[in-house]
Amino acid sequence: MISVDQVVGLAIVLFAIGLVGAIRRRHVVVVLFGLQLSTIAAALAFVGFNRMWAGRALASGEPAGLEGQAFAFVALVVGVVQLLVGIGLGLAVLRRRGTADVDDARGGPA
């Protein structure tokens, strides 16, 4: 059985990989995927912490809630919407400027 420490550790590693991917890369799609990976890591942490608190609730005889899963679902939906809007904006910049490089998109109008 996987412990909560392992789930949270995996979430930390995924968040770090996503953050490095978002900061170090220059292509807009790779930056967006890095941000999406960070969002998934946060959702995984929500589920892991909910599992820990649900275990404590069950041990004390209280009903276990599903708040962590609900927050994770909302975070994933927001992340997917963010990714779709970002890809749409990235495609608009690609069509207008001819490049999807983040550094080239910082300039003035084409």
PDB file of N, CA and C in Angstrom:
ATOM      1  N   MET A   1       0.840  -1.178   0.000  1.00  0.00           N
ATOM      2  CA  MET A   1       0.000   0.000   0.000  1.00  0.00           C
ATOM      3  C   MET A   1       0.889   1.246   0.000  1.00  0.00           C
ATOM      4  N   ILE A   2       0.482   2.219  -0.743  1.00  0.00           N
ATOM      5  CA  ILE A   2       1.272   3.450  -0.873  1.00  0.00           C
ATOM      6  C   ILE A   2       0.942   4.372   0.291  1.00  0.00           C
ATOM      7  N   SER A   3       1.987   4.890   0.941  1.00  0.00           N
ATOM      8  CA  SER A   3       1.760   5.776   2.078  1.00  0.00           C
ATOM      9  C   SER A   3       1.520   7.207   1.596  1.00  0.00           C
ATOM     10  N   VAL A   4       1.018   8.010   2.516  1.00  0.00           N
ATOM     11  CA  VAL A   4       0.752   9.415   2.209  1.00  0.00           C
ATOM     12  C   VAL A   4       2.059  10.157   1.929  1.00  0.00           C
ATOM     13  N   ASP A   5       3.110   9.781   2.631  1.00  0.00           N
ATOM     14  CA  ASP A   5       4.404  10.415   2.404  1.00  0.00           C
ATOM     15  C   ASP A   5       4.893  10.202   0.971  1.00  0.00           C
ATOM     16  N   GLN A   6       4.662   9.015   0.439  1.00  0.00           N
ATOM     17  CA  GLN A   6       5.070   8.742  -0.936  1.00  0.00           C
ATOM     18  C   GLN A   6       4.234   9.542  -1.928  1.00  0.00           C
ATOM     19  N   VAL A   7       2.945   9.680  -1.672  1.00  0.00           N
ATOM     20  CA  VAL A   7       2.072  10.449  -2.567  1.00  0.00           C
ATOM     21  C   VAL A   7       2.474  11.912  -2.560  1.00  0.00           C
ATOM     22  N   VAL A   8       2.697  12.468  -1.379  1.00  0.00           N
ATOM     23  CA  VAL A   8       3.090  13.877  -1.282  1.00  0.00           C
ATOM     24  C   VAL A   8       4.493  14.070  -1.858  1.00  0.00           C
ATOM     25  N   GLY A   9       5.381  13.114  -1.645  1.00  0.00           N
ATOM     26  CA  GLY A   9       6.722  13.208  -2.244  1.00  0.00           C
ATOM     27  C   GLY A   9       6.664  13.220  -3.759  1.00  0.00           C
ATOM     28  N   LEU A  10       5.812  12.360  -4.335  1.00  0.00           N
ATOM     29  CA  LEU A  10       5.635  12.356  -5.778  1.00  0.00           C
ATOM     30  C   LEU A  10       5.047  13.681  -6.261  1.00  0.00           C
ATOM     31  N   ALA A  11       4.107  14.240  -5.501  1.00  0.00           N
ATOM     32  CA  ALA A  11       3.523  15.531  -5.860  1.00  0.00           C
ATOM     33  C   ALA A  11       4.582  16.630  -5.854  1.00  0.00           C
ATOM     34  N   ILE A  12       5.481  16.594  -4.890  1.00  0.00           N
ATOM     35  CA  ILE A  12       6.552  17.603  -4.824  1.00  0.00           C
ATOM     36  C   ILE A  12       7.483  17.465  -6.017  1.00  0.00           C
ATOM     37  N   VAL A  13       7.846  16.233  -6.364  1.00  0.00           N
ATOM     38  CA  VAL A  13       8.728  16.018  -7.511  1.00  0.00           C
ATOM     39  C   VAL A  13       8.062  16.469  -8.808  1.00  0.00           C
ATOM     40  N   LEU A  14       6.791  16.115  -8.994  1.00  0.00           N
ATOM     41  CA  LEU A  14       6.072  16.543 -10.199  1.00  0.00           C
ATOM     42  C   LEU A  14       5.941  18.055 -10.269  1.00  0.00           C
ATOM     43  N   PHE A  15       5.677  18.695  -9.130  1.00  0.00           N
ATOM     44  CA  PHE A  15       5.566  20.151  -9.110  1.00  0.00           C
ATOM     45  C   PHE A  15       6.898  20.796  -9.486  1.00  0.00           C
ATOM     46  N   ALA A  16       7.991  20.249  -8.966  1.00  0.00           N
ATOM     47  CA  ALA A  16       9.311  20.805  -9.291  1.00  0.00           C
ATOM     48  C   ALA A  16       9.633  20.628 -10.773  1.00  0.00           C
ATOM     49  N   ILE A  17       9.315  19.469 -11.335  1.00  0.00           N
ATOM     50  CA  ILE A  17       9.561  19.240 -12.764  1.00  0.00           C
ATOM     51  C   ILE A  17       8.731  20.208 -13.605  1.00  0.00           C
ATOM     52  N   GLY A  18       7.465  20.389 -13.236  1.00  0.00           N
ATOM     53  CA  GLY A  18       6.617  21.322 -13.964  1.00  0.00           C
ATOM     54  C   GLY A  18       7.095  22.752 -13.855  1.00  0.00           C
ATOM     55  N   LEU A  19       7.550  23.143 -12.675  1.00  0.00           N
ATOM     56  CA  LEU A  19       8.049  24.501 -12.478  1.00  0.00           C
ATOM     57  C   LEU A  19       9.320  24.745 -13.278  1.00  0.00           C
ATOM     58  N   VAL A  20      10.227  23.787 -13.264  1.00  0.00           N
ATOM     59  CA  VAL A  20      11.453  23.917 -14.056  1.00  0.00           C
ATOM     60  C   VAL A  20      11.119  23.957 -15.544  1.00  0.00           C
ATOM     61  N   GLY A  21      10.179  23.126 -15.982  1.00  0.00           N
ATOM     62  CA  GLY A  21       9.772  23.130 -17.384  1.00  0.00           C
ATOM     63  C   GLY A  21       9.151  24.445 -17.793  1.00  0.00           C
ATOM     64  N   ALA A  22       8.376  25.058 -16.896  1.00  0.00           N
ATOM     65  CA  ALA A  22       7.733  26.329 -17.216  1.00  0.00           C
ATOM     66  C   ALA A  22       8.734  27.481 -17.234  1.00  0.00           C
ATOM     67  N   ILE A  23       9.765  27.394 -16.401  1.00  0.00           N
ATOM     68  CA  ILE A  23      10.730  28.493 -16.315  1.00  0.00           C
ATOM     69  C   ILE A  23      11.836  28.375 -17.361  1.00  0.00           C
ATOM     70  N   ARG A  24      12.312  27.175 -17.612  1.00  0.00           N
ATOM     71  CA  ARG A  24      13.496  26.992 -18.452  1.00  0.00           C
ATOM     72  C   ARG A  24      13.215  26.935 -19.950  1.00  0.00           C
ATOM     73  N   ARG A  25      12.014  26.586 -20.349  1.00  0.00           N
ATOM     74  CA  ARG A  25      11.721  26.410 -21.773  1.00  0.00           C
ATOM     75  C   ARG A  25      11.246  27.714 -22.384  1.00  0.00           C
ATOM     76  N   ARG A  26      11.396  27.812 -23.708  1.00  0.00           N
ATOM     77  CA  ARG A  26      11.012  29.029 -24.391  1.00  0.00           C
ATOM     78  C   ARG A  26       9.805  28.855 -25.294  1.00  0.00           C
ATOM     79  N   HIS A  27       9.443  27.643 -25.621  1.00  0.00           N
ATOM     80  CA  HIS A  27       8.290  27.423 -26.485  1.00  0.00           C
ATOM     81  C   HIS A  27       7.010  27.489 -25.644  1.00  0.00           C
ATOM     82  N   VAL A  28       6.021  28.196 -26.126  1.00  0.00           N
ATOM     83  CA  VAL A  28       4.827  28.474 -25.329  1.00  0.00           C
ATOM     84  C   VAL A  28       4.071  27.201 -24.965  1.00  0.00           C
ATOM     85  N   VAL A  29       4.028  26.207 -25.824  1.00  0.00           N
ATOM     86  CA  VAL A  29       3.311  24.970 -25.517  1.00  0.00           C
ATOM     87  C   VAL A  29       4.017  24.206 -24.396  1.00  0.00           C
ATOM     88  N   VAL A  30       5.330  24.171 -24.403  1.00  0.00           N
ATOM     89  CA  VAL A  30       6.079  23.477 -23.352  1.00  0.00           C
ATOM     90  C   VAL A  30       5.907  24.194 -22.015  1.00  0.00           C
ATOM     91  N   VAL A  31       5.858  25.513 -22.045  1.00  0.00           N
ATOM     92  CA  VAL A  31       5.615  26.277 -20.820  1.00  0.00           C
ATOM     93  C   VAL A  31       4.228  25.943 -20.263  1.00  0.00           C
ATOM     94  N   LEU A  32       3.238  25.879 -21.134  1.00  0.00           N
ATOM     95  CA  LEU A  32       1.885  25.550 -20.682  1.00  0.00           C
ATOM     96  C   LEU A  32       1.797  24.131 -20.136  1.00  0.00           C
ATOM     97  N   PHE A  33       2.492  23.191 -20.752  1.00  0.00           N
ATOM     98  CA  PHE A  33       2.491  21.825 -20.235  1.00  0.00           C
ATOM     99  C   PHE A  33       3.198  21.752 -18.879  1.00  0.00           C
ATOM    100  N   GLY A  34       4.228  22.555 -18.687  1.00  0.00           N
ATOM    101  CA  GLY A  34       4.881  22.617 -17.379  1.00  0.00           C
ATOM    102  C   GLY A  34       3.941  23.142 -16.309  1.00  0.00           C
ATOM    103  N   LEU A  35       3.169  24.162 -16.646  1.00  0.00           N
ATOM    104  CA  LEU A  35       2.184  24.685 -15.697  1.00  0.00           C
ATOM    105  C   LEU A  35       1.094  23.653 -15.423  1.00  0.00           C
ATOM    106  N   GLN A  36       0.700  22.916 -16.439  1.00  0.00           N
ATOM    107  CA  GLN A  36      -0.316  21.875 -16.261  1.00  0.00           C
ATOM    108  C   GLN A  36       0.218  20.763 -15.354  1.00  0.00           C
ATOM    109  N   LEU A  37       1.471  20.405 -15.505  1.00  0.00           N
ATOM    110  CA  LEU A  37       2.063  19.384 -14.647  1.00  0.00           C
ATOM    111  C   LEU A  37       2.086  19.855 -13.195  1.00  0.00           C
ATOM    112  N   SER A  38       2.342  21.127 -12.969  1.00  0.00           N
ATOM    113  CA  SER A  38       2.300  21.668 -11.614  1.00  0.00           C
ATOM    114  C   SER A  38       0.888  21.620 -11.045  1.00  0.00           C
ATOM    115  N   THR A  39      -0.114  21.874 -11.876  1.00  0.00           N
ATOM    116  CA  THR A  39      -1.500  21.800 -11.430  1.00  0.00           C
ATOM    117  C   THR A  39      -1.872  20.365 -11.065  1.00  0.00           C
ATOM    118  N   ILE A  40      -1.423  19.408 -11.853  1.00  0.00           N
ATOM    119  CA  ILE A  40      -1.683  18.002 -11.555  1.00  0.00           C
ATOM    120  C   ILE A  40      -1.005  17.597 -10.247  1.00  0.00           C
ATOM    121  N   ALA A  41       0.196  18.115 -10.009  1.00  0.00           N
ATOM    122  CA  ALA A  41       0.893  17.810  -8.761  1.00  0.00           C
ATOM    123  C   ALA A  41       0.124  18.361  -7.559  1.00  0.00           C
ATOM    124  N   ALA A  42      -0.435  19.548  -7.697  1.00  0.00           N
ATOM    125  CA  ALA A  42      -1.235  20.109  -6.601  1.00  0.00           C
ATOM    126  C   ALA A  42      -2.476  19.256  -6.349  1.00  0.00           C
ATOM    127  N   ALA A  43      -3.118  18.785  -7.406  1.00  0.00           N
ATOM    128  CA  ALA A  43      -4.289  17.927  -7.250  1.00  0.00           C
ATOM    129  C   ALA A  43      -3.914  16.609  -6.569  1.00  0.00           C
ATOM    130  N   LEU A  44      -2.763  16.071  -6.915  1.00  0.00           N
ATOM    131  CA  LEU A  44      -2.296  14.840  -6.280  1.00  0.00           C
ATOM    132  C   LEU A  44      -2.035  15.064  -4.790  1.00  0.00           C
ATOM    133  N   ALA A  45      -1.497  16.227  -4.447  1.00  0.00           N
ATOM    134  CA  ALA A  45      -1.271  16.550  -3.034  1.00  0.00           C
ATOM    135  C   ALA A  45      -2.600  16.668  -2.290  1.00  0.00           C
ATOM    136  N   PHE A  46      -3.625  17.270  -2.935  1.00  0.00           N
ATOM    137  CA  PHE A  46      -4.951  17.346  -2.312  1.00  0.00           C
ATOM    138  C   PHE A  46      -5.469  15.953  -1.983  1.00  0.00           C
ATOM    139  N   VAL A  47      -5.359  15.040  -2.931  1.00  0.00           N
ATOM    140  CA  VAL A  47      -5.852  13.684  -2.718  1.00  0.00           C
ATOM    141  C   VAL A  47      -5.045  12.971  -1.637  1.00  0.00           C
ATOM    142  N   GLY A  48      -3.737  13.168  -1.635  1.00  0.00           N
ATOM    143  CA  GLY A  48      -2.896  12.534  -0.618  1.00  0.00           C
ATOM    144  C   GLY A  48      -3.210  13.023   0.791  1.00  0.00           C
ATOM    145  N   PHE A  49      -3.368  14.336   0.938  1.00  0.00           N
ATOM    146  CA  PHE A  49      -3.696  14.870   2.259  1.00  0.00           C
ATOM    147  C   PHE A  49      -5.109  14.465   2.688  1.00  0.00           C
ATOM    148  N   ASN A  50      -6.030  14.383   1.734  1.00  0.00           N
ATOM    149  CA  ASN A  50      -7.374  13.928   2.078  1.00  0.00           C
ATOM    150  C   ASN A  50      -7.342  12.483   2.565  1.00  0.00           C
ATOM    151  N   ARG A  51      -6.506  11.691   1.958  1.00  0.00           N
ATOM    152  CA  ARG A  51      -6.379  10.290   2.389  1.00  0.00           C
ATOM    153  C   ARG A  51      -5.856  10.221   3.824  1.00  0.00           C
ATOM    154  N   MET A  52      -4.910  11.107   4.141  1.00  0.00           N
ATOM    155  CA  MET A  52      -4.368  11.126   5.491  1.00  0.00           C
ATOM    156  C   MET A  52      -5.454  11.542   6.497  1.00  0.00           C
ATOM    157  N   TRP A  53      -6.190  12.606   6.165  1.00  0.00           N
ATOM    158  CA  TRP A  53      -7.225  13.079   7.088  1.00  0.00           C
ATOM    159  C   TRP A  53      -8.403  12.115   7.161  1.00  0.00           C
ATOM    160  N   ALA A  54      -8.726  11.458   6.067  1.00  0.00           N
ATOM    161  CA  ALA A  54      -9.814  10.476   6.083  1.00  0.00           C
ATOM    162  C   ALA A  54      -9.442   9.292   6.968  1.00  0.00           C
ATOM    163  N   GLY A  55      -8.180   8.889   6.943  1.00  0.00           N
ATOM    164  CA  GLY A  55      -7.732   7.805   7.813  1.00  0.00           C
ATOM    165  C   GLY A  55      -7.857   8.163   9.280  1.00  0.00           C
ATOM    166  N   ARG A  56      -7.534   9.419   9.602  1.00  0.00           N
ATOM    167  CA  ARG A  56      -7.682   9.857  10.994  1.00  0.00           C
ATOM    168  C   ARG A  56      -9.151   9.932  11.384  1.00  0.00           C
ATOM    169  N   ALA A  57      -9.993  10.374  10.448  1.00  0.00           N
ATOM    170  CA  ALA A  57     -11.427  10.469  10.753  1.00  0.00           C
ATOM    171  C   ALA A  57     -12.022   9.092  10.975  1.00  0.00           C
ATOM    172  N   LEU A  58     -11.652   8.130  10.144  1.00  0.00           N
ATOM    173  CA  LEU A  58     -12.179   6.775  10.301  1.00  0.00           C
ATOM    174  C   LEU A  58     -11.694   6.144  11.602  1.00  0.00           C
ATOM    175  N   ALA A  59     -10.464   6.448  12.005  1.00  0.00           N
ATOM    176  CA  ALA A  59      -9.931   5.891  13.247  1.00  0.00           C
ATOM    177  C   ALA A  59     -10.679   6.442  14.462  1.00  0.00           C
ATOM    178  N   SER A  60     -11.161   7.686  14.357  1.00  0.00           N
ATOM    179  CA  SER A  60     -11.882   8.276  15.486  1.00  0.00           C
ATOM    180  C   SER A  60     -13.391   8.030  15.410  1.00  0.00           C
ATOM    181  N   GLY A  61     -13.861   7.357  14.373  1.00  0.00           N
ATOM    182  CA  GLY A  61     -15.272   7.038  14.249  1.00  0.00           C
ATOM    183  C   GLY A  61     -16.088   8.080  13.506  1.00  0.00           C
ATOM    184  N   GLU A  62     -15.454   9.114  12.983  1.00  0.00           N
ATOM    185  CA  GLU A  62     -16.172  10.152  12.236  1.00  0.00           C
ATOM    186  C   GLU A  62     -16.284   9.744  10.770  1.00  0.00           C
ATOM    187  N   PRO A  63     -17.285  10.266  10.065  1.00  0.00           N
ATOM    188  CA  PRO A  63     -17.379   9.952   8.632  1.00  0.00           C
ATOM    189  C   PRO A  63     -16.267  10.651   7.849  1.00  0.00           C
ATOM    190  N   ALA A  64     -15.734   9.955   6.873  1.00  0.00           N
ATOM    191  CA  ALA A  64     -14.652  10.506   6.052  1.00  0.00           C
ATOM    192  C   ALA A  64     -15.258  11.331   4.930  1.00  0.00           C
ATOM    193  N   GLY A  65     -14.699  12.519   4.699  1.00  0.00           N
ATOM    194  CA  GLY A  65     -15.189  13.385   3.638  1.00  0.00           C
ATOM    195  C   GLY A  65     -14.409  13.191   2.352  1.00  0.00           C
ATOM    196  N   LEU A  66     -14.921  13.775   1.306  1.00  0.00           N
ATOM    197  CA  LEU A  66     -14.280  13.693  -0.004  1.00  0.00           C
ATOM    198  C   LEU A  66     -13.808  15.071  -0.457  1.00  0.00           C
ATOM    199  N   GLU A  67     -13.463  15.936   0.470  1.00  0.00           N
ATOM    200  CA  GLU A  67     -13.076  17.295   0.118  1.00  0.00           C
ATOM    201  C   GLU A  67     -11.826  17.335  -0.753  1.00  0.00           C
ATOM    202  N   GLY A  68     -10.867  16.474  -0.453  1.00  0.00           N
ATOM    203  CA  GLY A  68      -9.636  16.448  -1.241  1.00  0.00           C
ATOM    204  C   GLY A  68      -9.888  16.081  -2.692  1.00  0.00           C
ATOM    205  N   GLN A  69     -10.731  15.080  -2.910  1.00  0.00           N
ATOM    206  CA  GLN A  69     -11.059  14.691  -4.274  1.00  0.00           C
ATOM    207  C   GLN A  69     -11.840  15.793  -4.983  1.00  0.00           C
ATOM    208  N   ALA A  70     -12.718  16.480  -4.259  1.00  0.00           N
ATOM    209  CA  ALA A  70     -13.478  17.578  -4.868  1.00  0.00           C
ATOM    210  C   ALA A  70     -12.542  18.720  -5.268  1.00  0.00           C
ATOM    211  N   PHE A  71     -11.616  19.088  -4.394  1.00  0.00           N
ATOM    212  CA  PHE A  71     -10.652  20.133  -4.730  1.00  0.00           C
ATOM    213  C   PHE A  71      -9.768  19.706  -5.896  1.00  0.00           C
ATOM    214  N   ALA A  72      -9.374  18.437  -5.918  1.00  0.00           N
ATOM    215  CA  ALA A  72      -8.546  17.942  -7.019  1.00  0.00           C
ATOM    216  C   ALA A  72      -9.301  18.011  -8.339  1.00  0.00           C
ATOM    217  N   PHE A  73     -10.582  17.644  -8.326  1.00  0.00           N
ATOM    218  CA  PHE A  73     -11.385  17.712  -9.543  1.00  0.00           C
ATOM    219  C   PHE A  73     -11.503  19.149 -10.040  1.00  0.00           C
ATOM    220  N   VAL A  74     -11.770  20.075  -9.136  1.00  0.00           N
ATOM    221  CA  VAL A  74     -11.866  21.488  -9.527  1.00  0.00           C
ATOM    222  C   VAL A  74     -10.523  21.984 -10.058  1.00  0.00           C
ATOM    223  N   ALA A  75      -9.426  21.605  -9.401  1.00  0.00           N
ATOM    224  CA  ALA A  75      -8.110  22.035  -9.859  1.00  0.00           C
ATOM    225  C   ALA A  75      -7.804  21.485 -11.246  1.00  0.00           C
ATOM    226  N   LEU A  76      -8.180  20.247 -11.514  1.00  0.00           N
ATOM    227  CA  LEU A  76      -7.936  19.671 -12.837  1.00  0.00           C
ATOM    228  C   LEU A  76      -8.793  20.333 -13.907  1.00  0.00           C
ATOM    229  N   VAL A  77     -10.050  20.646 -13.582  1.00  0.00           N
ATOM    230  CA  VAL A  77     -10.909  21.330 -14.553  1.00  0.00           C
ATOM    231  C   VAL A  77     -10.359  22.715 -14.864  1.00  0.00           C
ATOM    232  N   VAL A  78      -9.943  23.442 -13.837  1.00  0.00           N
ATOM    233  CA  VAL A  78      -9.355  24.765 -14.048  1.00  0.00           C
ATOM    234  C   VAL A  78      -8.060  24.646 -14.857  1.00  0.00           C
ATOM    235  N   GLY A  79      -7.267  23.623 -14.573  1.00  0.00           N
ATOM    236  CA  GLY A  79      -6.028  23.424 -15.316  1.00  0.00           C
ATOM    237  C   GLY A  79      -6.267  23.124 -16.786  1.00  0.00           C
ATOM    238  N   VAL A  80      -7.276  22.328 -17.085  1.00  0.00           N
ATOM    239  CA  VAL A  80      -7.589  22.014 -18.481  1.00  0.00           C
ATOM    240  C   VAL A  80      -8.075  23.259 -19.208  1.00  0.00           C
ATOM    241  N   VAL A  81      -8.917  24.041 -18.557  1.00  0.00           N
ATOM    242  CA  VAL A  81      -9.387  25.287 -19.172  1.00  0.00           C
ATOM    243  C   VAL A  81      -8.224  26.240 -19.395  1.00  0.00           C
ATOM    244  N   GLN A  82      -7.333  26.331 -18.421  1.00  0.00           N
ATOM    245  CA  GLN A  82      -6.143  27.172 -18.560  1.00  0.00           C
ATOM    246  C   GLN A  82      -5.291  26.717 -19.739  1.00  0.00           C
ATOM    247  N   LEU A  83      -5.123  25.436 -19.878  1.00  0.00           N
ATOM    248  CA  LEU A  83      -4.326  24.895 -20.974  1.00  0.00           C
ATOM    249  C   LEU A  83      -4.973  25.188 -22.323  1.00  0.00           C
ATOM    250  N   LEU A  84      -6.277  25.021 -22.424  1.00  0.00           N
ATOM    251  CA  LEU A  84      -6.969  25.285 -23.688  1.00  0.00           C
ATOM    252  C   LEU A  84      -6.900  26.758 -24.075  1.00  0.00           C
ATOM    253  N   VAL A  85      -7.104  27.644 -23.116  1.00  0.00           N
ATOM    254  CA  VAL A  85      -7.012  29.077 -23.405  1.00  0.00           C
ATOM    255  C   VAL A  85      -5.582  29.443 -23.779  1.00  0.00           C
ATOM    256  N   GLY A  86      -4.618  28.896 -23.070  1.00  0.00           N
ATOM    257  CA  GLY A  86      -3.223  29.179 -23.370  1.00  0.00           C
ATOM    258  C   GLY A  86      -2.799  28.691 -24.743  1.00  0.00           C
ATOM    259  N   ILE A  87      -3.246  27.496 -25.112  1.00  0.00           N
ATOM    260  CA  ILE A  87      -2.918  26.984 -26.445  1.00  0.00           C
ATOM    261  C   ILE A  87      -3.589  27.834 -27.520  1.00  0.00           C
ATOM    262  N   GLY A  88      -4.817  28.276 -27.252  1.00  0.00           N
ATOM    263  CA  GLY A  88      -5.484  29.165 -28.204  1.00  0.00           C
ATOM    264  C   GLY A  88      -4.734  30.471 -28.379  1.00  0.00           C
ATOM    265  N   LEU A  89      -4.287  31.058 -27.285  1.00  0.00           N
ATOM    266  CA  LEU A  89      -3.501  32.292 -27.373  1.00  0.00           C
ATOM    267  C   LEU A  89      -2.157  32.047 -28.047  1.00  0.00           C
ATOM    268  N   GLY A  90      -1.548  30.898 -27.730  1.00  0.00           N
ATOM    269  CA  GLY A  90      -0.275  30.565 -28.370  1.00  0.00           C
ATOM    270  C   GLY A  90      -0.412  30.400 -29.872  1.00  0.00           C
ATOM    271  N   LEU A  91      -1.489  29.770 -30.317  1.00  0.00           N
ATOM    272  CA  LEU A  91      -1.721  29.632 -31.756  1.00  0.00           C
ATOM    273  C   LEU A  91      -1.976  30.994 -32.410  1.00  0.00           C
ATOM    274  N   ALA A  92      -2.682  31.872 -31.696  1.00  0.00           N
ATOM    275  CA  ALA A  92      -2.906  33.220 -32.241  1.00  0.00           C
ATOM    276  C   ALA A  92      -1.591  33.972 -32.395  1.00  0.00           C
ATOM    277  N   VAL A  93      -0.711  33.842 -31.409  1.00  0.00           N
ATOM    278  CA  VAL A  93       0.606  34.489 -31.495  1.00  0.00           C
ATOM    279  C   VAL A  93       1.424  33.853 -32.612  1.00  0.00           C
ATOM    280  N   LEU A  94       1.342  32.537 -32.752  1.00  0.00           N
ATOM    281  CA  LEU A  94       2.077  31.837 -33.812  1.00  0.00           C
ATOM    282  C   LEU A  94       1.625  32.303 -35.190  1.00  0.00           C
ATOM    283  N   ARG A  95       0.340  32.451 -35.381  1.00  0.00           N
ATOM    284  CA  ARG A  95      -0.163  32.910 -36.680  1.00  0.00           C
ATOM    285  C   ARG A  95       0.216  34.352 -36.955  1.00  0.00           C
ATOM    286  N   ARG A  96       0.185  35.175 -35.919  1.00  0.00           N
ATOM    287  CA  ARG A  96       0.460  36.605 -36.115  1.00  0.00           C
ATOM    288  C   ARG A  96       1.948  36.891 -36.299  1.00  0.00           C
ATOM    289  N   ARG A  97       2.783  36.240 -35.488  1.00  0.00           N
ATOM    290  CA  ARG A  97       4.221  36.538 -35.494  1.00  0.00           C
ATOM    291  C   ARG A  97       5.059  35.506 -36.241  1.00  0.00           C
ATOM    292  N   GLY A  98       4.525  34.325 -36.452  1.00  0.00           N
ATOM    293  CA  GLY A  98       5.280  33.299 -37.151  1.00  0.00           C
ATOM    294  C   GLY A  98       6.192  32.488 -36.248  1.00  0.00           C
ATOM    295  N   THR A  99       6.139  32.703 -34.938  1.00  0.00           N
ATOM    296  CA  THR A  99       6.943  31.940 -33.996  1.00  0.00           C
ATOM    297  C   THR A  99       6.166  31.762 -32.702  1.00  0.00           C
ATOM    298  N   ALA A 100       6.418  30.651 -32.022  1.00  0.00           N
ATOM    299  CA  ALA A 100       5.780  30.390 -30.735  1.00  0.00           C
ATOM    300  C   ALA A 100       6.797  30.512 -29.611  1.00  0.00           C
ATOM    301  N   ASP A 101       7.902  31.196 -29.861  1.00  0.00           N
ATOM    302  CA  ASP A 101       8.936  31.408 -28.862  1.00  0.00           C
ATOM    303  C   ASP A 101       8.477  32.486 -27.893  1.00  0.00           C
ATOM    304  N   VAL A 102       8.571  32.209 -26.604  1.00  0.00           N
ATOM    305  CA  VAL A 102       8.104  33.143 -25.592  1.00  0.00           C
ATOM    306  C   VAL A 102       8.918  34.429 -25.634  1.00  0.00           C
ATOM    307  N   ASP A 103      10.218  34.339 -25.845  1.00  0.00           N
ATOM    308  CA  ASP A 103      11.057  35.537 -25.872  1.00  0.00           C
ATOM    309  C   ASP A 103      10.710  36.444 -27.051  1.00  0.00           C
ATOM    310  N   ASP A 104      10.354  35.866 -28.202  1.00  0.00           N
ATOM    311  CA  ASP A 104       9.988  36.674 -29.355  1.00  0.00           C
ATOM    312  C   ASP A 104       8.602  37.304 -29.201  1.00  0.00           C
ATOM    313  N   ALA A 105       7.757  36.729 -28.393  1.00  0.00           N
ATOM    314  CA  ALA A 105       6.388  37.242 -28.207  1.00  0.00           C
ATOM    315  C   ALA A 105       6.341  38.433 -27.264  1.00  0.00           C
ATOM    316  N   ARG A 106       7.452  38.758 -26.623  1.00  0.00           N
ATOM    317  CA  ARG A 106       7.462  39.878 -25.662  1.00  0.00           C
ATOM    318  C   ARG A 106       7.534  41.239 -26.354  1.00  0.00           C
ATOM    319  N   GLY A 107       7.923  41.272 -27.590  1.00  0.00           N
ATOM    320  CA  GLY A 107       8.100  42.533 -28.296  1.00  0.00           C
ATOM    321  C   GLY A 107       6.789  43.221 -28.596  1.00  0.00           C
ATOM    322  N   GLY A 108       6.874  44.362 -29.268  1.00  0.00           N
ATOM    323  CA  GLY A 108       5.702  45.139 -29.636  1.00  0.00           C
ATOM    324  C   GLY A 108       4.943  44.485 -30.774  1.00  0.00           C
ATOM    325  N   PRO A 109       4.002  45.220 -31.346  1.00  0.00           N
ATOM    326  CA  PRO A 109       3.197  44.641 -32.441  1.00  0.00           C
ATOM    327  C   PRO A 109       4.041  44.323 -33.647  1.00  0.00           C
ATOM    328  N   ALA A 110       3.626  43.287 -34.374  1.00  0.00           N
ATOM    329  CA  ALA A 110       4.379  42.840 -35.547  1.00  0.00           C
ATOM    330  C   ALA A 110       4.119  43.714 -36.739  1.00  0.00           C
TER     331      ALA A 110
END
